[in-house]
Amino acid sequence: MGTPLDDEALDTIFRKARSYNAWQDRPVSDETLHQLYDLLKWGPTSANCSPARFLFLKSPQAKERLRPHLMSGNVEKAMSAPVVAIIGYDTRFYEHLPELFPHQPEAMNWFTGDPRVTFETAFRNSTLQGAYLMIAARALGLDCGPMSGFDQEGVDRTFFPDGRIRSNFLCCLGYGSKEKLFERLPRLPFTQACRIL
């Protein structure tokens, strides 16, 4: 049985965490990105399929390649972020199942016959892994700026030209600045969003 996190940890990960639009001029080290992945990789995925692939854009040159594919409202946020993560998914993730799910040798066959099931599994689980990335980032003291305002086909052509990996969403990573920080938006209460049967 797990031990509940204290209020300070819950505030860091959820209650006081914000989506940032501006960033401090403070780099994110490669070591921190390794730590980030080494945390998020433990989040559960169906059949341990782990389809997400993460491309961390740190250099100005890499971010400039992203610029033409961003919606105008996201350009400044992404270009000024220390890191922009492209969260993608491997369309042939099932090829790794003999390693990741070794107790079911036939698991790869679950995904090779139905393109719809393959896509849904890859997209759903890479989205989960992108959420794990944000939780892990906040746990490591980073701030996040997730966004979906981009030209997916353009990003895929630019960064994944062989077509095997497809982009899902983007997430800026760094140390947030309170500049351009909006008021905290409301959330639905339990009574509107949930039912217990």
N, C-alpha and C. Protein backbone atom coordinates (compact mmCIF):
# COMPACT_ATOMS: atom_id res chain seq x y z
N MET A 1 0.85 -1.19 0.00
CA MET A 1 0.00 0.00 0.00
C MET A 1 0.88 1.25 0.00
N GLY A 2 0.54 2.20 -0.85
CA GLY A 2 1.33 3.42 -0.94
C GLY A 2 1.06 4.37 0.21
N THR A 3 1.98 5.28 0.42
CA THR A 3 1.83 6.32 1.44
C THR A 3 1.35 7.60 0.77
N PRO A 4 0.26 8.20 1.25
CA PRO A 4 -0.22 9.45 0.62
C PRO A 4 0.85 10.53 0.66
N LEU A 5 0.91 11.32 -0.41
CA LEU A 5 1.81 12.47 -0.44
C LEU A 5 1.28 13.56 0.50
N ASP A 6 2.18 14.37 1.00
CA ASP A 6 1.73 15.46 1.86
C ASP A 6 1.17 16.60 1.01
N ASP A 7 0.56 17.59 1.69
CA ASP A 7 -0.10 18.68 0.98
C ASP A 7 0.86 19.49 0.13
N GLU A 8 2.09 19.65 0.59
CA GLU A 8 3.06 20.43 -0.19
C GLU A 8 3.35 19.75 -1.52
N ALA A 9 3.52 18.43 -1.50
CA ALA A 9 3.77 17.69 -2.74
C ALA A 9 2.56 17.74 -3.66
N LEU A 10 1.36 17.60 -3.09
CA LEU A 10 0.14 17.65 -3.91
C LEU A 10 -0.05 19.04 -4.52
N ASP A 11 0.30 20.08 -3.76
CA ASP A 11 0.24 21.44 -4.31
C ASP A 11 1.20 21.60 -5.48
N THR A 12 2.42 21.05 -5.34
CA THR A 12 3.44 21.17 -6.38
C THR A 12 2.99 20.48 -7.66
N ILE A 13 2.41 19.32 -7.53
CA ILE A 13 2.06 18.53 -8.72
C ILE A 13 0.72 18.96 -9.32
N PHE A 14 -0.24 19.34 -8.46
CA PHE A 14 -1.58 19.60 -8.96
C PHE A 14 -2.15 20.96 -8.53
N ARG A 15 -2.37 21.17 -7.25
CA ARG A 15 -3.24 22.26 -6.82
C ARG A 15 -2.68 23.65 -7.10
N LYS A 16 -1.36 23.81 -7.00
CA LYS A 16 -0.77 25.13 -7.26
C LYS A 16 0.04 25.16 -8.55
N ALA A 17 0.09 24.05 -9.25
CA ALA A 17 0.81 24.00 -10.53
C ALA A 17 0.02 24.78 -11.58
N ARG A 18 0.74 25.43 -12.46
CA ARG A 18 0.11 26.26 -13.49
C ARG A 18 0.69 25.91 -14.86
N SER A 19 -0.04 26.28 -15.90
CA SER A 19 0.48 26.19 -17.26
C SER A 19 1.12 27.53 -17.59
N TYR A 20 2.42 27.52 -17.85
CA TYR A 20 3.17 28.77 -18.02
C TYR A 20 3.27 29.18 -19.48
N ASN A 21 3.29 30.50 -19.68
CA ASN A 21 3.43 31.09 -21.01
C ASN A 21 4.71 31.89 -21.17
N ALA A 22 5.44 32.09 -20.06
CA ALA A 22 6.70 32.83 -20.09
C ALA A 22 7.66 32.12 -19.16
N TRP A 23 8.96 32.36 -19.41
CA TRP A 23 9.98 31.53 -18.76
C TRP A 23 11.13 32.36 -18.23
N GLN A 24 11.70 31.92 -17.12
CA GLN A 24 12.94 32.51 -16.63
C GLN A 24 14.09 32.11 -17.57
N ASP A 25 15.08 32.97 -17.62
CA ASP A 25 16.26 32.69 -18.43
C ASP A 25 17.17 31.74 -17.63
N ARG A 26 16.76 30.51 -17.57
CA ARG A 26 17.43 29.51 -16.74
C ARG A 26 17.38 28.18 -17.48
N PRO A 27 18.51 27.59 -17.79
CA PRO A 27 18.51 26.38 -18.63
C PRO A 27 18.02 25.15 -17.87
N VAL A 28 17.59 24.17 -18.66
CA VAL A 28 17.25 22.84 -18.14
C VAL A 28 18.36 21.90 -18.61
N SER A 29 19.00 21.24 -17.69
CA SER A 29 20.15 20.40 -18.04
C SER A 29 19.71 19.10 -18.72
N ASP A 30 20.63 18.53 -19.49
CA ASP A 30 20.38 17.22 -20.07
C ASP A 30 20.16 16.19 -18.97
N GLU A 31 20.89 16.33 -17.87
CA GLU A 31 20.73 15.39 -16.75
C GLU A 31 19.30 15.42 -16.21
N THR A 32 18.72 16.62 -16.13
CA THR A 32 17.34 16.74 -15.66
C THR A 32 16.38 16.05 -16.63
N LEU A 33 16.63 16.17 -17.92
CA LEU A 33 15.76 15.50 -18.89
C LEU A 33 15.88 13.98 -18.79
N HIS A 34 17.07 13.49 -18.50
CA HIS A 34 17.23 12.05 -18.26
C HIS A 34 16.45 11.64 -17.01
N GLN A 35 16.54 12.43 -15.95
CA GLN A 35 15.79 12.13 -14.72
C GLN A 35 14.29 12.15 -14.99
N LEU A 36 13.87 13.10 -15.81
CA LEU A 36 12.46 13.23 -16.17
C LEU A 36 11.96 11.95 -16.83
N TYR A 37 12.69 11.48 -17.83
CA TYR A 37 12.25 10.25 -18.50
C TYR A 37 12.31 9.05 -17.56
N ASP A 38 13.35 9.00 -16.73
CA ASP A 38 13.49 7.85 -15.83
C ASP A 38 12.38 7.80 -14.79
N LEU A 39 11.67 8.90 -14.55
CA LEU A 39 10.47 8.88 -13.72
C LEU A 39 9.24 8.51 -14.52
N LEU A 40 9.01 9.23 -15.62
CA LEU A 40 7.75 9.06 -16.34
C LEU A 40 7.60 7.67 -16.95
N LYS A 41 8.71 7.01 -17.24
CA LYS A 41 8.63 5.70 -17.91
C LYS A 41 7.94 4.65 -17.06
N TRP A 42 7.84 4.90 -15.72
CA TRP A 42 7.21 3.92 -14.84
C TRP A 42 5.69 4.05 -14.81
N GLY A 43 5.13 5.08 -15.42
CA GLY A 43 3.68 5.20 -15.47
C GLY A 43 3.07 4.07 -16.30
N PRO A 44 1.91 3.55 -15.90
CA PRO A 44 1.33 2.40 -16.59
C PRO A 44 0.81 2.72 -17.99
N THR A 45 0.98 1.76 -18.88
CA THR A 45 0.36 1.77 -20.21
C THR A 45 -0.20 0.39 -20.47
N SER A 46 -1.18 0.30 -21.37
CA SER A 46 -1.80 -1.00 -21.61
C SER A 46 -0.80 -1.96 -22.21
N ALA A 47 -0.75 -3.17 -21.64
CA ALA A 47 0.21 -4.20 -22.04
C ALA A 47 1.65 -3.68 -22.00
N ASN A 48 1.88 -2.68 -21.15
CA ASN A 48 3.21 -2.08 -21.02
C ASN A 48 3.76 -1.63 -22.38
N CYS A 49 2.86 -1.19 -23.27
CA CYS A 49 3.25 -0.94 -24.67
C CYS A 49 4.16 0.27 -24.84
N SER A 50 4.09 1.25 -23.92
CA SER A 50 5.02 2.38 -23.91
C SER A 50 5.25 2.99 -25.29
N PRO A 51 4.19 3.46 -25.97
CA PRO A 51 4.37 3.94 -27.35
C PRO A 51 4.95 5.33 -27.48
N ALA A 52 4.98 6.10 -26.40
CA ALA A 52 5.41 7.50 -26.51
C ALA A 52 6.88 7.60 -26.86
N ARG A 53 7.19 8.59 -27.68
CA ARG A 53 8.57 8.94 -28.02
C ARG A 53 8.69 10.45 -27.78
N PHE A 54 9.77 10.85 -27.15
CA PHE A 54 9.94 12.24 -26.71
C PHE A 54 11.13 12.86 -27.42
N LEU A 55 10.89 13.96 -28.09
CA LEU A 55 11.95 14.72 -28.73
C LEU A 55 12.06 16.05 -28.00
N PHE A 56 13.20 16.28 -27.34
CA PHE A 56 13.41 17.49 -26.56
C PHE A 56 14.18 18.51 -27.40
N LEU A 57 13.53 19.60 -27.74
CA LEU A 57 14.16 20.66 -28.53
C LEU A 57 14.75 21.68 -27.57
N LYS A 58 16.08 21.75 -27.53
CA LYS A 58 16.77 22.69 -26.63
C LYS A 58 17.49 23.79 -27.39
N SER A 59 18.12 23.45 -28.49
CA SER A 59 18.95 24.43 -29.19
C SER A 59 18.07 25.44 -29.93
N PRO A 60 18.56 26.67 -30.10
CA PRO A 60 17.81 27.64 -30.90
C PRO A 60 17.52 27.12 -32.30
N GLN A 61 18.47 26.39 -32.88
CA GLN A 61 18.27 25.87 -34.24
C GLN A 61 17.11 24.88 -34.29
N ALA A 62 17.03 24.01 -33.30
CA ALA A 62 15.94 23.02 -33.27
C ALA A 62 14.59 23.71 -33.09
N LYS A 63 14.55 24.71 -32.20
CA LYS A 63 13.29 25.41 -31.98
C LYS A 63 12.87 26.24 -33.20
N GLU A 64 13.85 26.76 -33.93
CA GLU A 64 13.53 27.50 -35.16
C GLU A 64 12.89 26.59 -36.20
N ARG A 65 13.26 25.33 -36.22
CA ARG A 65 12.62 24.38 -37.14
C ARG A 65 11.16 24.15 -36.77
N LEU A 66 10.84 24.34 -35.49
CA LEU A 66 9.46 24.19 -35.02
C LEU A 66 8.62 25.42 -35.32
N ARG A 67 9.25 26.60 -35.30
CA ARG A 67 8.53 27.87 -35.38
C ARG A 67 7.46 27.92 -36.48
N PRO A 68 7.77 27.54 -37.74
CA PRO A 68 6.76 27.71 -38.79
C PRO A 68 5.52 26.84 -38.62
N HIS A 69 5.58 25.87 -37.71
CA HIS A 69 4.45 24.95 -37.53
C HIS A 69 3.59 25.31 -36.32
N LEU A 70 3.93 26.40 -35.63
CA LEU A 70 3.19 26.81 -34.45
C LEU A 70 2.10 27.81 -34.80
N MET A 71 0.97 27.72 -34.12
CA MET A 71 -0.02 28.78 -34.21
C MET A 71 0.59 30.05 -33.64
N SER A 72 0.18 31.20 -34.15
CA SER A 72 0.84 32.45 -33.79
C SER A 72 0.86 32.70 -32.29
N GLY A 73 -0.20 32.31 -31.58
CA GLY A 73 -0.27 32.55 -30.15
C GLY A 73 0.70 31.70 -29.33
N ASN A 74 1.29 30.69 -29.95
CA ASN A 74 2.21 29.81 -29.24
C ASN A 74 3.68 30.06 -29.57
N VAL A 75 3.94 30.94 -30.52
CA VAL A 75 5.32 31.12 -30.99
C VAL A 75 6.23 31.64 -29.89
N GLU A 76 5.84 32.75 -29.25
CA GLU A 76 6.72 33.35 -28.23
C GLU A 76 6.92 32.40 -27.06
N LYS A 77 5.85 31.75 -26.63
CA LYS A 77 5.95 30.82 -25.50
C LYS A 77 6.94 29.70 -25.79
N ALA A 78 6.87 29.14 -27.01
CA ALA A 78 7.76 28.03 -27.36
C ALA A 78 9.19 28.49 -27.61
N MET A 79 9.35 29.60 -28.31
CA MET A 79 10.70 30.05 -28.65
C MET A 79 11.49 30.49 -27.41
N SER A 80 10.78 30.97 -26.39
CA SER A 80 11.48 31.43 -25.19
C SER A 80 11.66 30.33 -24.15
N ALA A 81 11.00 29.20 -24.33
CA ALA A 81 11.12 28.11 -23.36
C ALA A 81 12.50 27.45 -23.46
N PRO A 82 13.08 27.07 -22.33
CA PRO A 82 14.36 26.35 -22.38
C PRO A 82 14.28 25.05 -23.18
N VAL A 83 13.13 24.37 -23.09
CA VAL A 83 12.94 23.10 -23.79
C VAL A 83 11.51 23.05 -24.31
N VAL A 84 11.35 22.56 -25.53
CA VAL A 84 10.03 22.19 -26.03
C VAL A 84 10.06 20.69 -26.29
N ALA A 85 9.20 19.97 -25.61
CA ALA A 85 9.10 18.53 -25.82
C ALA A 85 8.03 18.25 -26.85
N ILE A 86 8.38 17.48 -27.86
CA ILE A 86 7.38 16.93 -28.77
C ILE A 86 7.05 15.54 -28.25
N ILE A 87 5.81 15.37 -27.81
CA ILE A 87 5.37 14.06 -27.36
C ILE A 87 4.74 13.38 -28.57
N GLY A 88 5.37 12.32 -29.01
CA GLY A 88 4.88 11.58 -30.16
C GLY A 88 4.59 10.14 -29.80
N TYR A 89 4.22 9.36 -30.82
CA TYR A 89 4.00 7.94 -30.58
C TYR A 89 4.54 7.15 -31.76
N ASP A 90 5.08 5.99 -31.42
CA ASP A 90 5.64 5.07 -32.41
C ASP A 90 4.48 4.27 -33.00
N THR A 91 4.26 4.40 -34.29
CA THR A 91 3.15 3.69 -34.92
C THR A 91 3.38 2.18 -34.98
N ARG A 92 4.62 1.76 -34.74
CA ARG A 92 4.93 0.32 -34.69
C ARG A 92 5.45 -0.05 -33.30
N PHE A 93 4.84 0.56 -32.29
CA PHE A 93 5.23 0.30 -30.90
C PHE A 93 5.22 -1.18 -30.56
N TYR A 94 4.33 -1.92 -31.21
CA TYR A 94 4.14 -3.36 -30.90
C TYR A 94 5.40 -4.17 -31.19
N GLU A 95 6.31 -3.66 -32.00
CA GLU A 95 7.54 -4.40 -32.28
C GLU A 95 8.41 -4.55 -31.03
N HIS A 96 8.17 -3.72 -30.02
CA HIS A 96 8.94 -3.79 -28.78
C HIS A 96 8.26 -4.67 -27.72
N LEU A 97 7.08 -5.19 -28.01
CA LEU A 97 6.36 -5.97 -27.00
C LEU A 97 7.08 -7.24 -26.58
N PRO A 98 7.82 -7.94 -27.46
CA PRO A 98 8.56 -9.10 -26.96
C PRO A 98 9.51 -8.74 -25.81
N GLU A 99 10.03 -7.53 -25.82
CA GLU A 99 10.90 -7.06 -24.73
C GLU A 99 10.10 -6.53 -23.56
N LEU A 100 9.02 -5.76 -23.85
CA LEU A 100 8.29 -5.06 -22.80
C LEU A 100 7.20 -5.90 -22.15
N PHE A 101 6.73 -6.93 -22.83
CA PHE A 101 5.63 -7.77 -22.33
C PHE A 101 5.97 -9.24 -22.59
N PRO A 102 7.13 -9.70 -22.07
CA PRO A 102 7.70 -10.98 -22.49
C PRO A 102 6.89 -12.21 -22.08
N HIS A 103 6.02 -12.07 -21.08
CA HIS A 103 5.25 -13.23 -20.62
C HIS A 103 4.09 -13.57 -21.55
N GLN A 104 3.84 -12.69 -22.54
CA GLN A 104 2.80 -12.96 -23.55
C GLN A 104 3.42 -12.86 -24.93
N PRO A 105 4.08 -13.93 -25.39
CA PRO A 105 4.80 -13.87 -26.67
C PRO A 105 3.92 -13.48 -27.86
N GLU A 106 2.61 -13.74 -27.75
CA GLU A 106 1.71 -13.42 -28.87
C GLU A 106 1.20 -11.99 -28.83
N ALA A 107 1.62 -11.18 -27.86
CA ALA A 107 1.05 -9.84 -27.68
C ALA A 107 1.20 -8.97 -28.92
N MET A 108 2.29 -9.11 -29.65
CA MET A 108 2.48 -8.30 -30.84
C MET A 108 1.34 -8.49 -31.83
N ASN A 109 0.79 -9.70 -31.89
CA ASN A 109 -0.28 -10.01 -32.83
C ASN A 109 -1.58 -9.28 -32.50
N TRP A 110 -1.73 -8.81 -31.26
CA TRP A 110 -2.93 -8.07 -30.90
C TRP A 110 -3.06 -6.77 -31.69
N PHE A 111 -1.93 -6.27 -32.20
CA PHE A 111 -1.94 -4.93 -32.80
C PHE A 111 -1.57 -4.93 -34.28
N THR A 112 -1.24 -6.06 -34.84
CA THR A 112 -0.79 -6.07 -36.23
C THR A 112 -1.92 -6.26 -37.23
N GLY A 113 -3.11 -6.67 -36.78
CA GLY A 113 -4.18 -6.97 -37.72
C GLY A 113 -5.24 -5.92 -37.85
N ASP A 114 -5.26 -4.93 -36.96
CA ASP A 114 -6.34 -3.94 -36.96
C ASP A 114 -5.74 -2.54 -36.78
N PRO A 115 -5.61 -1.79 -37.86
CA PRO A 115 -5.00 -0.44 -37.77
C PRO A 115 -5.73 0.48 -36.79
N ARG A 116 -7.04 0.32 -36.65
CA ARG A 116 -7.80 1.16 -35.72
C ARG A 116 -7.37 0.91 -34.28
N VAL A 117 -7.25 -0.36 -33.91
CA VAL A 117 -6.82 -0.70 -32.55
C VAL A 117 -5.39 -0.23 -32.31
N THR A 118 -4.53 -0.38 -33.32
CA THR A 118 -3.14 0.06 -33.19
C THR A 118 -3.08 1.56 -32.95
N PHE A 119 -3.82 2.34 -33.75
CA PHE A 119 -3.82 3.79 -33.57
C PHE A 119 -4.38 4.19 -32.22
N GLU A 120 -5.52 3.62 -31.84
CA GLU A 120 -6.14 4.00 -30.57
C GLU A 120 -5.23 3.69 -29.40
N THR A 121 -4.56 2.54 -29.46
CA THR A 121 -3.66 2.16 -28.38
C THR A 121 -2.47 3.10 -28.31
N ALA A 122 -1.88 3.41 -29.47
CA ALA A 122 -0.72 4.31 -29.50
C ALA A 122 -1.09 5.71 -29.05
N PHE A 123 -2.21 6.22 -29.54
CA PHE A 123 -2.60 7.59 -29.21
C PHE A 123 -3.00 7.71 -27.74
N ARG A 124 -3.83 6.78 -27.27
CA ARG A 124 -4.29 6.85 -25.88
C ARG A 124 -3.12 6.75 -24.91
N ASN A 125 -2.25 5.79 -25.14
CA ASN A 125 -1.17 5.56 -24.19
C ASN A 125 -0.06 6.59 -24.28
N SER A 126 0.18 7.15 -25.47
CA SER A 126 1.17 8.24 -25.56
C SER A 126 0.63 9.50 -24.89
N THR A 127 -0.69 9.69 -24.92
CA THR A 127 -1.29 10.81 -24.21
C THR A 127 -1.11 10.64 -22.71
N LEU A 128 -1.35 9.42 -22.23
CA LEU A 128 -1.09 9.13 -20.82
C LEU A 128 0.37 9.43 -20.47
N GLN A 129 1.28 8.97 -21.31
CA GLN A 129 2.70 9.18 -21.02
C GLN A 129 3.08 10.65 -21.06
N GLY A 130 2.41 11.43 -21.91
CA GLY A 130 2.63 12.87 -21.90
C GLY A 130 2.17 13.50 -20.60
N ALA A 131 1.06 12.99 -20.04
CA ALA A 131 0.62 13.47 -18.73
C ALA A 131 1.61 13.07 -17.64
N TYR A 132 2.14 11.84 -17.74
CA TYR A 132 3.17 11.44 -16.77
C TYR A 132 4.38 12.36 -16.86
N LEU A 133 4.72 12.78 -18.09
CA LEU A 133 5.84 13.71 -18.25
C LEU A 133 5.60 14.99 -17.46
N MET A 134 4.38 15.53 -17.53
CA MET A 134 4.10 16.78 -16.83
C MET A 134 4.14 16.59 -15.32
N ILE A 135 3.60 15.47 -14.84
CA ILE A 135 3.64 15.20 -13.40
C ILE A 135 5.08 15.04 -12.93
N ALA A 136 5.87 14.27 -13.70
CA ALA A 136 7.28 14.07 -13.34
C ALA A 136 8.05 15.38 -13.39
N ALA A 137 7.77 16.21 -14.40
CA ALA A 137 8.46 17.50 -14.51
C ALA A 137 8.19 18.36 -13.29
N ARG A 138 6.93 18.44 -12.87
CA ARG A 138 6.59 19.24 -11.70
C ARG A 138 7.24 18.67 -10.44
N ALA A 139 7.30 17.34 -10.35
CA ALA A 139 7.93 16.71 -9.19
C ALA A 139 9.42 17.03 -9.12
N LEU A 140 10.04 17.30 -10.28
CA LEU A 140 11.47 17.64 -10.33
C LEU A 140 11.73 19.15 -10.24
N GLY A 141 10.67 19.92 -10.04
CA GLY A 141 10.83 21.37 -9.89
C GLY A 141 10.71 22.15 -11.17
N LEU A 142 10.34 21.49 -12.27
CA LEU A 142 10.14 22.18 -13.54
C LEU A 142 8.69 22.65 -13.65
N ASP A 143 8.47 23.62 -14.52
CA ASP A 143 7.13 24.06 -14.87
C ASP A 143 6.83 23.63 -16.31
N CYS A 144 5.55 23.59 -16.63
CA CYS A 144 5.10 23.06 -17.93
C CYS A 144 4.20 24.06 -18.64
N GLY A 145 4.25 24.00 -19.96
CA GLY A 145 3.33 24.76 -20.79
C GLY A 145 2.85 23.88 -21.93
N PRO A 146 1.89 22.96 -21.66
CA PRO A 146 1.41 22.07 -22.71
C PRO A 146 0.62 22.83 -23.76
N MET A 147 0.67 22.36 -24.99
CA MET A 147 -0.09 23.03 -26.06
C MET A 147 -0.35 22.08 -27.21
N SER A 148 -1.48 22.34 -27.86
CA SER A 148 -1.84 21.56 -29.04
C SER A 148 -2.03 22.43 -30.27
N GLY A 149 -1.69 23.71 -30.18
CA GLY A 149 -1.86 24.62 -31.30
C GLY A 149 -0.68 24.59 -32.25
N PHE A 150 -0.63 23.54 -33.09
CA PHE A 150 0.46 23.41 -34.04
C PHE A 150 -0.01 22.57 -35.23
N ASP A 151 0.74 22.68 -36.31
CA ASP A 151 0.45 21.92 -37.53
C ASP A 151 1.11 20.54 -37.40
N GLN A 152 0.29 19.55 -37.11
CA GLN A 152 0.83 18.22 -36.84
C GLN A 152 1.56 17.66 -38.06
N GLU A 153 0.99 17.82 -39.23
CA GLU A 153 1.65 17.28 -40.43
C GLU A 153 2.99 17.96 -40.67
N GLY A 154 3.05 19.26 -40.43
CA GLY A 154 4.31 19.98 -40.61
C GLY A 154 5.36 19.53 -39.61
N VAL A 155 4.95 19.35 -38.36
CA VAL A 155 5.89 18.87 -37.33
C VAL A 155 6.38 17.47 -37.69
N ASP A 156 5.48 16.62 -38.13
CA ASP A 156 5.88 15.25 -38.47
C ASP A 156 6.83 15.23 -39.67
N ARG A 157 6.56 16.06 -40.66
CA ARG A 157 7.45 16.13 -41.83
C ARG A 157 8.84 16.60 -41.42
N THR A 158 8.88 17.58 -40.53
CA THR A 158 10.15 18.20 -40.14
C THR A 158 10.97 17.32 -39.21
N PHE A 159 10.32 16.71 -38.23
CA PHE A 159 11.06 16.01 -37.19
C PHE A 159 10.99 14.48 -37.28
N PHE A 160 9.98 13.96 -37.97
CA PHE A 160 9.83 12.50 -38.08
C PHE A 160 9.57 12.12 -39.53
N PRO A 161 10.52 12.43 -40.41
CA PRO A 161 10.25 12.31 -41.86
C PRO A 161 10.02 10.88 -42.34
N ASP A 162 10.47 9.87 -41.60
CA ASP A 162 10.26 8.50 -42.09
C ASP A 162 8.84 8.01 -41.83
N GLY A 163 8.04 8.77 -41.07
CA GLY A 163 6.63 8.45 -40.88
C GLY A 163 6.34 7.46 -39.76
N ARG A 164 7.35 6.91 -39.16
CA ARG A 164 7.10 5.91 -38.11
C ARG A 164 6.53 6.56 -36.84
N ILE A 165 7.06 7.72 -36.49
CA ILE A 165 6.60 8.43 -35.30
C ILE A 165 5.68 9.56 -35.74
N ARG A 166 4.58 9.73 -35.00
CA ARG A 166 3.64 10.81 -35.24
C ARG A 166 3.56 11.67 -33.99
N SER A 167 3.40 12.97 -34.16
CA SER A 167 3.29 13.85 -33.01
C SER A 167 1.90 13.79 -32.40
N ASN A 168 1.85 13.98 -31.08
CA ASN A 168 0.59 14.01 -30.35
C ASN A 168 0.34 15.43 -29.83
N PHE A 169 1.22 15.91 -28.95
CA PHE A 169 1.12 17.30 -28.49
C PHE A 169 2.50 17.80 -28.08
N LEU A 170 2.57 19.09 -27.76
CA LEU A 170 3.83 19.73 -27.37
C LEU A 170 3.74 20.15 -25.91
N CYS A 171 4.90 20.23 -25.28
CA CYS A 171 4.92 20.73 -23.90
C CYS A 171 6.22 21.50 -23.67
N CYS A 172 6.10 22.80 -23.40
CA CYS A 172 7.26 23.59 -23.01
C CYS A 172 7.66 23.20 -21.59
N LEU A 173 8.97 23.18 -21.36
CA LEU A 173 9.51 22.83 -20.05
C LEU A 173 10.53 23.87 -19.64
N GLY A 174 10.53 24.23 -18.38
CA GLY A 174 11.50 25.18 -17.88
C GLY A 174 11.11 25.63 -16.50
N TYR A 175 11.53 26.85 -16.17
CA TYR A 175 11.21 27.45 -14.89
C TYR A 175 10.34 28.66 -15.18
N GLY A 176 9.07 28.57 -14.81
CA GLY A 176 8.10 29.55 -15.24
C GLY A 176 8.31 30.93 -14.65
N SER A 177 7.93 31.94 -15.45
CA SER A 177 7.91 33.33 -15.00
C SER A 177 6.46 33.75 -14.81
N LYS A 178 6.20 34.55 -13.78
CA LYS A 178 4.82 34.98 -13.52
C LYS A 178 4.33 36.00 -14.54
N GLU A 179 5.25 36.49 -15.37
CA GLU A 179 4.84 37.35 -16.48
C GLU A 179 3.91 36.55 -17.39
N LYS A 180 2.80 37.15 -17.79
CA LYS A 180 1.81 36.53 -18.67
C LYS A 180 1.12 35.33 -18.04
N LEU A 181 1.13 35.27 -16.72
CA LEU A 181 0.43 34.19 -16.03
C LEU A 181 -1.01 34.63 -15.81
N PHE A 182 -1.95 33.89 -16.34
CA PHE A 182 -3.36 34.24 -16.24
C PHE A 182 -3.89 33.88 -14.85
N GLU A 183 -5.03 34.47 -14.51
CA GLU A 183 -5.71 34.05 -13.29
C GLU A 183 -6.07 32.57 -13.40
N ARG A 184 -6.03 31.90 -12.27
CA ARG A 184 -6.36 30.48 -12.25
C ARG A 184 -7.80 30.29 -12.71
N LEU A 185 -8.01 29.45 -13.69
CA LEU A 185 -9.35 29.21 -14.22
C LEU A 185 -10.08 28.17 -13.37
N PRO A 186 -11.41 28.25 -13.37
CA PRO A 186 -12.16 27.31 -12.53
C PRO A 186 -12.13 25.89 -13.09
N ARG A 187 -12.49 24.96 -12.24
CA ARG A 187 -12.66 23.56 -12.63
C ARG A 187 -14.07 23.13 -12.22
N LEU A 188 -14.56 22.12 -12.90
CA LEU A 188 -15.88 21.60 -12.56
C LEU A 188 -15.84 20.94 -11.18
N PRO A 189 -16.91 21.11 -10.39
CA PRO A 189 -16.97 20.41 -9.11
C PRO A 189 -17.27 18.93 -9.31
N PHE A 190 -17.02 18.15 -8.28
CA PHE A 190 -17.27 16.71 -8.31
C PHE A 190 -18.68 16.41 -8.80
N THR A 191 -19.65 17.17 -8.30
CA THR A 191 -21.05 16.87 -8.61
C THR A 191 -21.38 17.03 -10.10
N GLN A 192 -20.63 17.85 -10.81
CA GLN A 192 -20.86 18.00 -12.25
C GLN A 192 -20.03 17.03 -13.09
N ALA A 193 -18.87 16.65 -12.59
CA ALA A 193 -17.96 15.84 -13.40
C ALA A 193 -17.98 14.36 -13.07
N CYS A 194 -18.56 14.01 -11.95
CA CYS A 194 -18.43 12.62 -11.47
C CYS A 194 -19.76 12.03 -11.05
N ARG A 195 -19.83 10.70 -11.10
CA ARG A 195 -20.94 9.94 -10.54
C ARG A 195 -20.33 8.74 -9.83
N ILE A 196 -20.98 8.34 -8.77
CA ILE A 196 -20.62 7.10 -8.08
C ILE A 196 -21.82 6.18 -8.17
N LEU A 197 -21.63 5.00 -8.71
CA LEU A 197 -22.73 4.04 -8.84
C LEU A 197 -22.53 2.90 -7.85
